[in-house]
Amino acid sequence: TSKATCEAGRKPAASATLLGGVTVLGK
């Protein structure tokens, strides 16, 4: 997941999360 939040009068924030496993080219 990814998220970017820009609220009026506040510092913008951005984040990304990864849950579960990751497999690249079978590894």
mmCIF file of all heavy atoms, coordinates in Angstrom:
data_MODEL
# 
_entry.id   MODEL 
# 
loop_
_atom_site.group_PDB 
_atom_site.id 
_atom_site.type_symbol 
_atom_site.label_atom_id 
_atom_site.label_alt_id 
_atom_site.label_comp_id 
_atom_site.label_asym_id 
_atom_site.label_entity_id 
_atom_site.label_seq_id 
_atom_site.pdbx_PDB_ins_code 
_atom_site.Cartn_x 
_atom_site.Cartn_y 
_atom_site.Cartn_z 
_atom_site.occupancy 
_atom_site.B_iso_or_equiv 
_atom_site.pdbx_formal_charge 
_atom_site.auth_seq_id 
_atom_site.auth_comp_id 
_atom_site.auth_asym_id 
_atom_site.auth_atom_id 
_atom_site.pdbx_PDB_model_num 
ATOM 1   N N   . THR A 1 1  ? 0.842  -1.195  0.000   1.00 0.00 ? 1  THR A N   1 
ATOM 2   C CA  . THR A 1 1  ? 0.000  0.000   0.000   1.00 0.00 ? 1  THR A CA  1 
ATOM 3   C C   . THR A 1 1  ? 0.874  1.241   0.000   1.00 0.00 ? 1  THR A C   1 
ATOM 4   O O   . THR A 1 1  ? 2.039  1.212   0.422   1.00 0.00 ? 1  THR A O   1 
ATOM 5   C CB  . THR A 1 1  ? -0.926 0.047   1.228   1.00 0.00 ? 1  THR A CB  1 
ATOM 6   O OG1 . THR A 1 1  ? -0.115 0.162   2.413   1.00 0.00 ? 1  THR A OG1 1 
ATOM 7   C CG2 . THR A 1 1  ? -1.794 -1.192  1.312   1.00 0.00 ? 1  THR A CG2 1 
ATOM 8   N N   . SER A 1 2  ? 0.317  2.335   -0.459  1.00 0.00 ? 2  SER A N   1 
ATOM 9   C CA  . SER A 1 2  ? 1.007  3.630   -0.422  1.00 0.00 ? 2  SER A CA  1 
ATOM 10  C C   . SER A 1 2  ? -0.017 4.715   -0.137  1.00 0.00 ? 2  SER A C   1 
ATOM 11  O O   . SER A 1 2  ? -1.201 4.574   -0.463  1.00 0.00 ? 2  SER A O   1 
ATOM 12  C CB  . SER A 1 2  ? 1.729  3.912   -1.744  1.00 0.00 ? 2  SER A CB  1 
ATOM 13  O OG  . SER A 1 2  ? 0.804  3.946   -2.819  1.00 0.00 ? 2  SER A OG  1 
ATOM 14  N N   . LYS A 1 3  ? 0.453  5.803   0.484   1.00 0.00 ? 3  LYS A N   1 
ATOM 15  C CA  . LYS A 1 3  ? -0.459 6.876   0.859   1.00 0.00 ? 3  LYS A CA  1 
ATOM 16  C C   . LYS A 1 3  ? 0.293  8.197   0.918   1.00 0.00 ? 3  LYS A C   1 
ATOM 17  O O   . LYS A 1 3  ? 1.418  8.268   1.419   1.00 0.00 ? 3  LYS A O   1 
ATOM 18  C CB  . LYS A 1 3  ? -1.103 6.573   2.221   1.00 0.00 ? 3  LYS A CB  1 
ATOM 19  C CG  . LYS A 1 3  ? -2.192 7.552   2.629   1.00 0.00 ? 3  LYS A CG  1 
ATOM 20  C CD  . LYS A 1 3  ? -2.851 7.094   3.911   1.00 0.00 ? 3  LYS A CD  1 
ATOM 21  C CE  . LYS A 1 3  ? -3.983 8.009   4.319   1.00 0.00 ? 3  LYS A CE  1 
ATOM 22  N NZ  . LYS A 1 3  ? -4.646 7.545   5.572   1.00 0.00 ? 3  LYS A NZ  1 
ATOM 23  N N   . ALA A 1 4  ? -0.343 9.248   0.414   1.00 0.00 ? 4  ALA A N   1 
ATOM 24  C CA  . ALA A 1 4  ? 0.194  10.612  0.506   1.00 0.00 ? 4  ALA A CA  1 
ATOM 25  C C   . ALA A 1 4  ? -0.919 11.516  1.008   1.00 0.00 ? 4  ALA A C   1 
ATOM 26  O O   . ALA A 1 4  ? -2.033 11.496  0.468   1.00 0.00 ? 4  ALA A O   1 
ATOM 27  C CB  . ALA A 1 4  ? 0.699  11.094  -0.848  1.00 0.00 ? 4  ALA A CB  1 
ATOM 28  N N   . THR A 1 5  ? -0.622 12.294  2.053   1.00 0.00 ? 5  THR A N   1 
ATOM 29  C CA  . THR A 1 5  ? -1.616 13.167  2.674   1.00 0.00 ? 5  THR A CA  1 
ATOM 30  C C   . THR A 1 5  ? -1.071 14.589  2.740   1.00 0.00 ? 5  THR A C   1 
ATOM 31  O O   . THR A 1 5  ? 0.028  14.814  3.243   1.00 0.00 ? 5  THR A O   1 
ATOM 32  C CB  . THR A 1 5  ? -1.965 12.688  4.099   1.00 0.00 ? 5  THR A CB  1 
ATOM 33  O OG1 . THR A 1 5  ? -2.392 11.330  4.036   1.00 0.00 ? 5  THR A OG1 1 
ATOM 34  C CG2 . THR A 1 5  ? -3.058 13.542  4.707   1.00 0.00 ? 5  THR A CG2 1 
ATOM 35  N N   . CYS A 1 6  ? -1.856 15.541  2.231   1.00 0.00 ? 6  CYS A N   1 
ATOM 36  C CA  . CYS A 1 6  ? -1.487 16.957  2.245   1.00 0.00 ? 6  CYS A CA  1 
ATOM 37  C C   . CYS A 1 6  ? -2.640 17.743  2.856   1.00 0.00 ? 6  CYS A C   1 
ATOM 38  O O   . CYS A 1 6  ? -3.576 18.138  2.155   1.00 0.00 ? 6  CYS A O   1 
ATOM 39  C CB  . CYS A 1 6  ? -1.184 17.456  0.831   1.00 0.00 ? 6  CYS A CB  1 
ATOM 40  S SG  . CYS A 1 6  ? 0.216  16.655  0.027   1.00 0.00 ? 6  CYS A SG  1 
ATOM 41  N N   . GLU A 1 7  ? -2.596 17.958  4.190   1.00 0.00 ? 7  GLU A N   1 
ATOM 42  C CA  . GLU A 1 7  ? -3.639 18.697  4.877   1.00 0.00 ? 7  GLU A CA  1 
ATOM 43  C C   . GLU A 1 7  ? -3.268 20.175  4.948   1.00 0.00 ? 7  GLU A C   1 
ATOM 44  O O   . GLU A 1 7  ? -2.101 20.532  5.102   1.00 0.00 ? 7  GLU A O   1 
ATOM 45  C CB  . GLU A 1 7  ? -3.841 18.155  6.292   1.00 0.00 ? 7  GLU A CB  1 
ATOM 46  C CG  . GLU A 1 7  ? -4.363 16.731  6.337   1.00 0.00 ? 7  GLU A CG  1 
ATOM 47  C CD  . GLU A 1 7  ? -4.627 16.275  7.756   1.00 0.00 ? 7  GLU A CD  1 
ATOM 48  O OE1 . GLU A 1 7  ? -4.707 17.151  8.646   1.00 0.00 ? 7  GLU A OE1 1 
ATOM 49  O OE2 . GLU A 1 7  ? -4.733 15.062  7.977   1.00 0.00 ? 7  GLU A OE2 1 
ATOM 50  N N   . ALA A 1 8  ? -4.285 21.011  4.842   1.00 0.00 ? 8  ALA A N   1 
ATOM 51  C CA  . ALA A 1 8  ? -4.062 22.447  4.914   1.00 0.00 ? 8  ALA A CA  1 
ATOM 52  C C   . ALA A 1 8  ? -3.477 22.831  6.267   1.00 0.00 ? 8  ALA A C   1 
ATOM 53  O O   . ALA A 1 8  ? -3.981 22.403  7.311   1.00 0.00 ? 8  ALA A O   1 
ATOM 54  C CB  . ALA A 1 8  ? -5.377 23.191  4.677   1.00 0.00 ? 8  ALA A CB  1 
ATOM 55  N N   . GLY A 1 9  ? -2.394 23.587  6.250   1.00 0.00 ? 9  GLY A N   1 
ATOM 56  C CA  . GLY A 1 9  ? -1.780 24.055  7.481   1.00 0.00 ? 9  GLY A CA  1 
ATOM 57  C C   . GLY A 1 9  ? -0.894 23.047  8.182   1.00 0.00 ? 9  GLY A C   1 
ATOM 58  O O   . GLY A 1 9  ? -0.393 23.334  9.269   1.00 0.00 ? 9  GLY A O   1 
ATOM 59  N N   . ARG A 1 10 ? -0.696 21.845  7.590   1.00 0.00 ? 10 ARG A N   1 
ATOM 60  C CA  . ARG A 1 10 ? 0.161  20.835  8.202   1.00 0.00 ? 10 ARG A CA  1 
ATOM 61  C C   . ARG A 1 10 ? 1.216  20.364  7.217   1.00 0.00 ? 10 ARG A C   1 
ATOM 62  O O   . ARG A 1 10 ? 1.065  20.528  6.008   1.00 0.00 ? 10 ARG A O   1 
ATOM 63  C CB  . ARG A 1 10 ? -0.660 19.631  8.665   1.00 0.00 ? 10 ARG A CB  1 
ATOM 64  C CG  . ARG A 1 10 ? -1.619 19.937  9.803   1.00 0.00 ? 10 ARG A CG  1 
ATOM 65  C CD  . ARG A 1 10 ? -2.235 18.662  10.339  1.00 0.00 ? 10 ARG A CD  1 
ATOM 66  N NE  . ARG A 1 10 ? -3.110 18.907  11.480  1.00 0.00 ? 10 ARG A NE  1 
ATOM 67  C CZ  . ARG A 1 10 ? -3.713 17.968  12.186  1.00 0.00 ? 10 ARG A CZ  1 
ATOM 68  N NH1 . ARG A 1 10 ? -3.522 16.675  11.843  1.00 0.00 ? 10 ARG A NH1 1 
ATOM 69  N NH2 . ARG A 1 10 ? -4.485 18.272  13.213  1.00 0.00 ? 10 ARG A NH2 1 
ATOM 70  N N   . LYS A 1 11 ? 2.275  19.782  7.762   1.00 0.00 ? 11 LYS A N   1 
ATOM 71  C CA  . LYS A 1 11 ? 3.343  19.269  6.900   1.00 0.00 ? 11 LYS A CA  1 
ATOM 72  C C   . LYS A 1 11 ? 2.851  18.029  6.150   1.00 0.00 ? 11 LYS A C   1 
ATOM 73  O O   . LYS A 1 11 ? 2.309  17.108  6.763   1.00 0.00 ? 11 LYS A O   1 
ATOM 74  C CB  . LYS A 1 11 ? 4.573  18.913  7.741   1.00 0.00 ? 11 LYS A CB  1 
ATOM 75  C CG  . LYS A 1 11 ? 5.745  18.407  6.912   1.00 0.00 ? 11 LYS A CG  1 
ATOM 76  C CD  . LYS A 1 11 ? 6.953  18.151  7.786   1.00 0.00 ? 11 LYS A CD  1 
ATOM 77  C CE  . LYS A 1 11 ? 8.099  17.547  6.969   1.00 0.00 ? 11 LYS A CE  1 
ATOM 78  N NZ  . LYS A 1 11 ? 8.499  18.423  5.862   1.00 0.00 ? 11 LYS A NZ  1 
ATOM 79  N N   . PRO A 1 12 ? 3.018  17.968  4.835   1.00 0.00 ? 12 PRO A N   1 
ATOM 80  C CA  . PRO A 1 12 ? 2.595  16.784  4.070   1.00 0.00 ? 12 PRO A CA  1 
ATOM 81  C C   . PRO A 1 12 ? 3.339  15.530  4.523   1.00 0.00 ? 12 PRO A C   1 
ATOM 82  O O   . PRO A 1 12 ? 4.454  15.591  5.038   1.00 0.00 ? 12 PRO A O   1 
ATOM 83  C CB  . PRO A 1 12 ? 2.952  17.161  2.625   1.00 0.00 ? 12 PRO A CB  1 
ATOM 84  C CG  . PRO A 1 12 ? 2.994  18.650  2.607   1.00 0.00 ? 12 PRO A CG  1 
ATOM 85  C CD  . PRO A 1 12 ? 3.505  19.052  3.959   1.00 0.00 ? 12 PRO A CD  1 
ATOM 86  N N   . ALA A 1 13 ? 2.692  14.372  4.317   1.00 0.00 ? 13 ALA A N   1 
ATOM 87  C CA  . ALA A 1 13 ? 3.276  13.102  4.730   1.00 0.00 ? 13 ALA A CA  1 
ATOM 88  C C   . ALA A 1 13 ? 3.060  12.068  3.632   1.00 0.00 ? 13 ALA A C   1 
ATOM 89  O O   . ALA A 1 13 ? 2.064  12.097  2.917   1.00 0.00 ? 13 ALA A O   1 
ATOM 90  C CB  . ALA A 1 13 ? 2.643  12.622  6.036   1.00 0.00 ? 13 ALA A CB  1 
ATOM 91  N N   . ALA A 1 14 ? 4.024  11.154  3.510   1.00 0.00 ? 14 ALA A N   1 
ATOM 92  C CA  . ALA A 1 14 ? 3.951  10.073  2.516   1.00 0.00 ? 14 ALA A CA  1 
ATOM 93  C C   . ALA A 1 14 ? 4.506  8.799   3.132   1.00 0.00 ? 14 ALA A C   1 
ATOM 94  O O   . ALA A 1 14 ? 5.467  8.840   3.917   1.00 0.00 ? 14 ALA A O   1 
ATOM 95  C CB  . ALA A 1 14 ? 4.734  10.437  1.259   1.00 0.00 ? 14 ALA A CB  1 
ATOM 96  N N   . SER A 1 15 ? 3.889  7.667   2.793   1.00 0.00 ? 15 SER A N   1 
ATOM 97  C CA  . SER A 1 15 ? 4.340  6.397   3.359   1.00 0.00 ? 15 SER A CA  1 
ATOM 98  C C   . SER A 1 15 ? 3.976  5.251   2.434   1.00 0.00 ? 15 SER A C   1 
ATOM 99  O O   . SER A 1 15 ? 3.115  5.377   1.562   1.00 0.00 ? 15 SER A O   1 
ATOM 100 C CB  . SER A 1 15 ? 3.702  6.169   4.736   1.00 0.00 ? 15 SER A CB  1 
ATOM 101 O OG  . SER A 1 15 ? 2.293  6.072   4.613   1.00 0.00 ? 15 SER A OG  1 
ATOM 102 N N   . ALA A 1 16 ? 4.662  4.135   2.639   1.00 0.00 ? 16 ALA A N   1 
ATOM 103 C CA  . ALA A 1 16 ? 4.373  2.897   1.911   1.00 0.00 ? 16 ALA A CA  1 
ATOM 104 C C   . ALA A 1 16 ? 4.619  1.728   2.843   1.00 0.00 ? 16 ALA A C   1 
ATOM 105 O O   . ALA A 1 16 ? 5.543  1.762   3.655   1.00 0.00 ? 16 ALA A O   1 
ATOM 106 C CB  . ALA A 1 16 ? 5.251  2.779   0.665   1.00 0.00 ? 16 ALA A CB  1 
ATOM 107 N N   . THR A 1 17 ? 3.762  0.717   2.746   1.00 0.00 ? 17 THR A N   1 
ATOM 108 C CA  . THR A 1 17 ? 3.888  -0.450  3.607   1.00 0.00 ? 17 THR A CA  1 
ATOM 109 C C   . THR A 1 17 ? 3.876  -1.720  2.765   1.00 0.00 ? 17 THR A C   1 
ATOM 110 O O   . THR A 1 17 ? 3.277  -1.765  1.691   1.00 0.00 ? 17 THR A O   1 
ATOM 111 C CB  . THR A 1 17 ? 2.749  -0.513  4.640   1.00 0.00 ? 17 THR A CB  1 
ATOM 112 O OG1 . THR A 1 17 ? 1.491  -0.573  3.942   1.00 0.00 ? 17 THR A OG1 1 
ATOM 113 C CG2 . THR A 1 17 ? 2.765  0.701   5.536   1.00 0.00 ? 17 THR A CG2 1 
ATOM 114 N N   . LEU A 1 18 ? 4.529  -2.721  3.288   1.00 0.00 ? 18 LEU A N   1 
ATOM 115 C CA  . LEU A 1 18 ? 4.608  -4.012  2.614   1.00 0.00 ? 18 LEU A CA  1 
ATOM 116 C C   . LEU A 1 18 ? 4.307  -5.099  3.625   1.00 0.00 ? 18 LEU A C   1 
ATOM 117 O O   . LEU A 1 18 ? 4.952  -5.195  4.668   1.00 0.00 ? 18 LEU A O   1 
ATOM 118 C CB  . LEU A 1 18 ? 6.001  -4.221  2.020   1.00 0.00 ? 18 LEU A CB  1 
ATOM 119 C CG  . LEU A 1 18 ? 6.265  -5.541  1.300   1.00 0.00 ? 18 LEU A CG  1 
ATOM 120 C CD1 . LEU A 1 18 ? 5.389  -5.675  0.063   1.00 0.00 ? 18 LEU A CD1 1 
ATOM 121 C CD2 . LEU A 1 18 ? 7.739  -5.649  0.924   1.00 0.00 ? 18 LEU A CD2 1 
ATOM 122 N N   . LEU A 1 19 ? 3.297  -5.923  3.318   1.00 0.00 ? 19 LEU A N   1 
ATOM 123 C CA  . LEU A 1 19 ? 2.901  -7.012  4.199   1.00 0.00 ? 19 LEU A CA  1 
ATOM 124 C C   . LEU A 1 19 ? 3.004  -8.326  3.437   1.00 0.00 ? 19 LEU A C   1 
ATOM 125 O O   . LEU A 1 19 ? 2.681  -8.393  2.246   1.00 0.00 ? 19 LEU A O   1 
ATOM 126 C CB  . LEU A 1 19 ? 1.469  -6.819  4.699   1.00 0.00 ? 19 LEU A CB  1 
ATOM 127 C CG  . LEU A 1 19 ? 1.191  -5.525  5.486   1.00 0.00 ? 19 LEU A CG  1 
ATOM 128 C CD1 . LEU A 1 19 ? -0.290 -5.412  5.804   1.00 0.00 ? 19 LEU A CD1 1 
ATOM 129 C CD2 . LEU A 1 19 ? 2.019  -5.484  6.760   1.00 0.00 ? 19 LEU A CD2 1 
ATOM 130 N N   . GLY A 1 20 ? 3.451  -9.365  4.115   1.00 0.00 ? 20 GLY A N   1 
ATOM 131 C CA  . GLY A 1 20 ? 3.581  -10.658 3.463   1.00 0.00 ? 20 GLY A CA  1 
ATOM 132 C C   . GLY A 1 20 ? 4.915  -10.785 2.746   1.00 0.00 ? 20 GLY A C   1 
ATOM 133 O O   . GLY A 1 20 ? 5.756  -9.882  2.750   1.00 0.00 ? 20 GLY A O   1 
ATOM 134 N N   . GLY A 1 21 ? 5.114  -11.900 2.101   1.00 0.00 ? 21 GLY A N   1 
ATOM 135 C CA  . GLY A 1 21 ? 6.381  -12.172 1.442   1.00 0.00 ? 21 GLY A CA  1 
ATOM 136 C C   . GLY A 1 21 ? 6.494  -11.541 0.074   1.00 0.00 ? 21 GLY A C   1 
ATOM 137 O O   . GLY A 1 21 ? 5.513  -11.102 -0.531  1.00 0.00 ? 21 GLY A O   1 
ATOM 138 N N   . VAL A 1 22 ? 7.744  -11.500 -0.414  1.00 0.00 ? 22 VAL A N   1 
ATOM 139 C CA  . VAL A 1 22 ? 8.059  -10.979 -1.745  1.00 0.00 ? 22 VAL A CA  1 
ATOM 140 C C   . VAL A 1 22 ? 8.911  -12.018 -2.472  1.00 0.00 ? 22 VAL A C   1 
ATOM 141 O O   . VAL A 1 22 ? 9.915  -12.499 -1.936  1.00 0.00 ? 22 VAL A O   1 
ATOM 142 C CB  . VAL A 1 22 ? 8.815  -9.632  -1.669  1.00 0.00 ? 22 VAL A CB  1 
ATOM 143 C CG1 . VAL A 1 22 ? 9.168  -9.147  -3.063  1.00 0.00 ? 22 VAL A CG1 1 
ATOM 144 C CG2 . VAL A 1 22 ? 7.987  -8.601  -0.924  1.00 0.00 ? 22 VAL A CG2 1 
ATOM 145 N N   . THR A 1 23 ? 8.523  -12.323 -3.699  1.00 0.00 ? 23 THR A N   1 
ATOM 146 C CA  . THR A 1 23 ? 9.278  -13.270 -4.518  1.00 0.00 ? 23 THR A CA  1 
ATOM 147 C C   . THR A 1 23 ? 9.628  -12.603 -5.840  1.00 0.00 ? 23 THR A C   1 
ATOM 148 O O   . THR A 1 23 ? 8.756  -12.051 -6.510  1.00 0.00 ? 23 THR A O   1 
ATOM 149 C CB  . THR A 1 23 ? 8.457  -14.541 -4.800  1.00 0.00 ? 23 THR A CB  1 
ATOM 150 O OG1 . THR A 1 23 ? 8.084  -15.139 -3.556  1.00 0.00 ? 23 THR A OG1 1 
ATOM 151 C CG2 . THR A 1 23 ? 9.251  -15.530 -5.618  1.00 0.00 ? 23 THR A CG2 1 
ATOM 152 N N   . VAL A 1 24 ? 10.912 -12.610 -6.183  1.00 0.00 ? 24 VAL A N   1 
ATOM 153 C CA  . VAL A 1 24 ? 11.397 -11.992 -7.415  1.00 0.00 ? 24 VAL A CA  1 
ATOM 154 C C   . VAL A 1 24 ? 12.075 -13.068 -8.260  1.00 0.00 ? 24 VAL A C   1 
ATOM 155 O O   . VAL A 1 24 ? 13.034 -13.722 -7.805  1.00 0.00 ? 24 VAL A O   1 
ATOM 156 C CB  . VAL A 1 24 ? 12.382 -10.842 -7.117  1.00 0.00 ? 24 VAL A CB  1 
ATOM 157 C CG1 . VAL A 1 24 ? 12.881 -10.219 -8.415  1.00 0.00 ? 24 VAL A CG1 1 
ATOM 158 C CG2 . VAL A 1 24 ? 11.701 -9.788  -6.238  1.00 0.00 ? 24 VAL A CG2 1 
ATOM 159 N N   . LEU A 1 25 ? 11.563 -13.271 -9.469  1.00 0.00 ? 25 LEU A N   1 
ATOM 160 C CA  . LEU A 1 25 ? 12.118 -14.277 -10.389 1.00 0.00 ? 25 LEU A CA  1 
ATOM 161 C C   . LEU A 1 25 ? 12.257 -15.633 -9.707  1.00 0.00 ? 25 LEU A C   1 
ATOM 162 O O   . LEU A 1 25 ? 13.258 -16.342 -9.858  1.00 0.00 ? 25 LEU A O   1 
ATOM 163 C CB  . LEU A 1 25 ? 13.465 -13.816 -10.946 1.00 0.00 ? 25 LEU A CB  1 
ATOM 164 C CG  . LEU A 1 25 ? 13.432 -12.553 -11.818 1.00 0.00 ? 25 LEU A CG  1 
ATOM 165 C CD1 . LEU A 1 25 ? 14.847 -12.175 -12.246 1.00 0.00 ? 25 LEU A CD1 1 
ATOM 166 C CD2 . LEU A 1 25 ? 12.541 -12.737 -13.028 1.00 0.00 ? 25 LEU A CD2 1 
ATOM 167 N N   . GLY A 1 26 ? 11.249 -15.973 -8.891  1.00 0.00 ? 26 GLY A N   1 
ATOM 168 C CA  . GLY A 1 26 ? 11.227 -17.265 -8.213  1.00 0.00 ? 26 GLY A CA  1 
ATOM 169 C C   . GLY A 1 26 ? 12.017 -17.334 -6.932  1.00 0.00 ? 26 GLY A C   1 
ATOM 170 O O   . GLY A 1 26 ? 12.028 -18.382 -6.273  1.00 0.00 ? 26 GLY A O   1 
ATOM 171 N N   . LYS A 1 27 ? 12.692 -16.239 -6.528  1.00 0.00 ? 27 LYS A N   1 
ATOM 172 C CA  . LYS A 1 27 ? 13.489 -16.241 -5.302  1.00 0.00 ? 27 LYS A CA  1 
ATOM 173 C C   . LYS A 1 27 ? 12.836 -15.360 -4.239  1.00 0.00 ? 27 LYS A C   1 
ATOM 174 O O   . LYS A 1 27 ? 12.452 -14.223 -4.520  1.00 0.00 ? 27 LYS A O   1 
ATOM 175 C CB  . LYS A 1 27 ? 14.907 -15.719 -5.584  1.00 0.00 ? 27 LYS A CB  1 
ATOM 176 C CG  . LYS A 1 27 ? 15.710 -16.571 -6.541  1.00 0.00 ? 27 LYS A CG  1 
ATOM 177 C CD  . LYS A 1 27 ? 17.075 -15.957 -6.814  1.00 0.00 ? 27 LYS A CD  1 
ATOM 178 C CE  . LYS A 1 27 ? 17.906 -15.835 -5.558  1.00 0.00 ? 27 LYS A CE  1 
ATOM 179 N NZ  . LYS A 1 27 ? 19.290 -15.354 -5.831  1.00 0.00 ? 27 LYS A NZ  1 
# 
